[in-house]
């Protein structure tokens, strides 16, 4: 199973975008998208660096917030399990 975290577009160039997710930036190809992309949009990106879906900002931010909550819960469970809480 694969999970794509929404990545926020911070810059655009011809056929490519610079995206940021969880503090990491990378260049991705827009070749697979059939709709325009703007700075501030969120993209779902395949492991090979191709954006495959555009999300509006509200949906992207909501998805990231949910992911952060899940990660925090996982960290809390791991800390209890290994005695570091």
Protein backbone atom coordinates (compact mmCIF):
# COMPACT_ATOMS: atom_id res chain seq x y z
CA UNK A 1 0.00 0.00 0.00
CA UNK A 2 1.19 3.50 -0.80
CA UNK A 3 0.30 6.71 1.01
CA UNK A 4 0.89 10.06 -0.66
CA UNK A 5 1.20 13.13 1.55
CA UNK A 6 -0.06 16.33 -0.07
CA UNK A 7 2.82 18.56 -1.13
CA UNK A 8 2.33 22.35 -1.40
CA UNK A 9 3.48 24.03 -4.61
CA UNK A 10 6.01 26.76 -3.79
CA UNK A 11 7.32 27.49 -7.31
CA UNK A 12 6.52 26.66 -10.92
CA UNK A 13 8.70 26.23 -13.99
CA UNK A 14 7.83 24.90 -17.41
CA UNK A 15 6.42 21.40 -16.84
CA UNK A 16 7.72 21.18 -13.27
CA UNK A 17 6.92 22.37 -9.78
CA UNK A 18 8.90 22.76 -6.59
CA UNK A 19 6.81 21.30 -3.77
CA UNK A 20 7.23 21.23 0.01
CA UNK A 21 5.95 18.63 2.45
CA UNK A 22 6.92 18.27 6.12
CA UNK A 23 9.79 20.73 5.60
CA UNK A 24 11.31 18.91 2.62
CA UNK A 25 11.38 20.42 -0.88
CA UNK A 26 11.71 18.57 -4.17
CA UNK A 27 11.16 19.01 -7.87
CA UNK A 28 8.27 17.10 -9.45
CA UNK A 29 7.02 16.65 -12.99
CA UNK A 30 3.58 17.96 -13.96
CA UNK A 31 3.44 15.75 -17.07
CA UNK A 32 0.58 13.56 -15.79
CA UNK A 33 -1.72 16.44 -14.83
CA UNK A 34 -4.37 17.68 -17.25
CA UNK A 35 -5.32 20.79 -15.29
CA UNK A 36 -3.49 23.99 -14.43
CA UNK A 37 -1.46 24.19 -11.22
CA UNK A 38 -0.82 27.36 -9.20
CA UNK A 39 1.51 28.24 -6.34
CA UNK A 40 -0.34 27.31 -3.14
CA UNK A 41 -2.09 24.27 -4.64
CA UNK A 42 -1.38 20.86 -3.15
CA UNK A 43 -0.26 17.91 -5.26
CA UNK A 44 -0.17 14.18 -4.66
CA UNK A 45 3.13 12.85 -5.99
CA UNK A 46 4.12 9.32 -7.01
CA UNK A 47 7.37 7.82 -5.78
CA UNK A 48 8.95 8.49 -9.19
CA UNK A 49 8.45 12.25 -8.83
CA UNK A 50 5.34 12.66 -10.99
CA UNK A 51 2.42 14.66 -9.61
CA UNK A 52 -0.79 12.74 -10.33
CA UNK A 53 -3.52 14.78 -8.62
CA UNK A 54 -4.11 18.42 -7.66
CA UNK A 55 -5.93 19.32 -4.42
CA UNK A 56 -7.17 22.68 -3.26
CA UNK A 57 -5.44 24.23 -0.27
CA UNK A 58 -8.19 23.43 2.25
CA UNK A 59 -8.22 19.71 1.36
CA UNK A 60 -4.42 19.51 1.36
CA UNK A 61 -4.09 21.20 4.74
CA UNK A 62 -6.83 19.01 6.25
CA UNK A 63 -5.10 15.85 5.01
CA UNK A 64 -1.73 16.96 6.42
CA UNK A 65 -3.33 17.81 9.77
CA UNK A 66 -4.88 14.33 9.94
CA UNK A 67 -1.53 12.74 9.08
CA UNK A 68 0.24 14.72 11.81
CA UNK A 69 -2.35 13.57 14.37
CA UNK A 70 -1.82 9.94 13.34
CA UNK A 71 1.95 10.32 13.59
CA UNK A 72 1.63 11.88 17.06
CA UNK A 73 -0.56 8.97 18.21
CA UNK A 74 1.94 6.47 16.82
CA UNK A 75 4.80 8.24 18.62
CA UNK A 76 2.84 8.14 21.90
CA UNK A 77 2.10 4.42 21.52
CA UNK A 78 5.74 3.66 20.69
CA UNK A 79 6.95 5.67 23.69
CA UNK A 80 4.63 3.75 26.03
CA UNK A 81 5.61 0.43 24.51
CA UNK A 82 9.34 1.07 24.87
CA UNK A 83 9.18 2.86 28.21
CA UNK A 84 10.31 6.28 27.08
CA UNK A 85 7.15 8.17 28.02
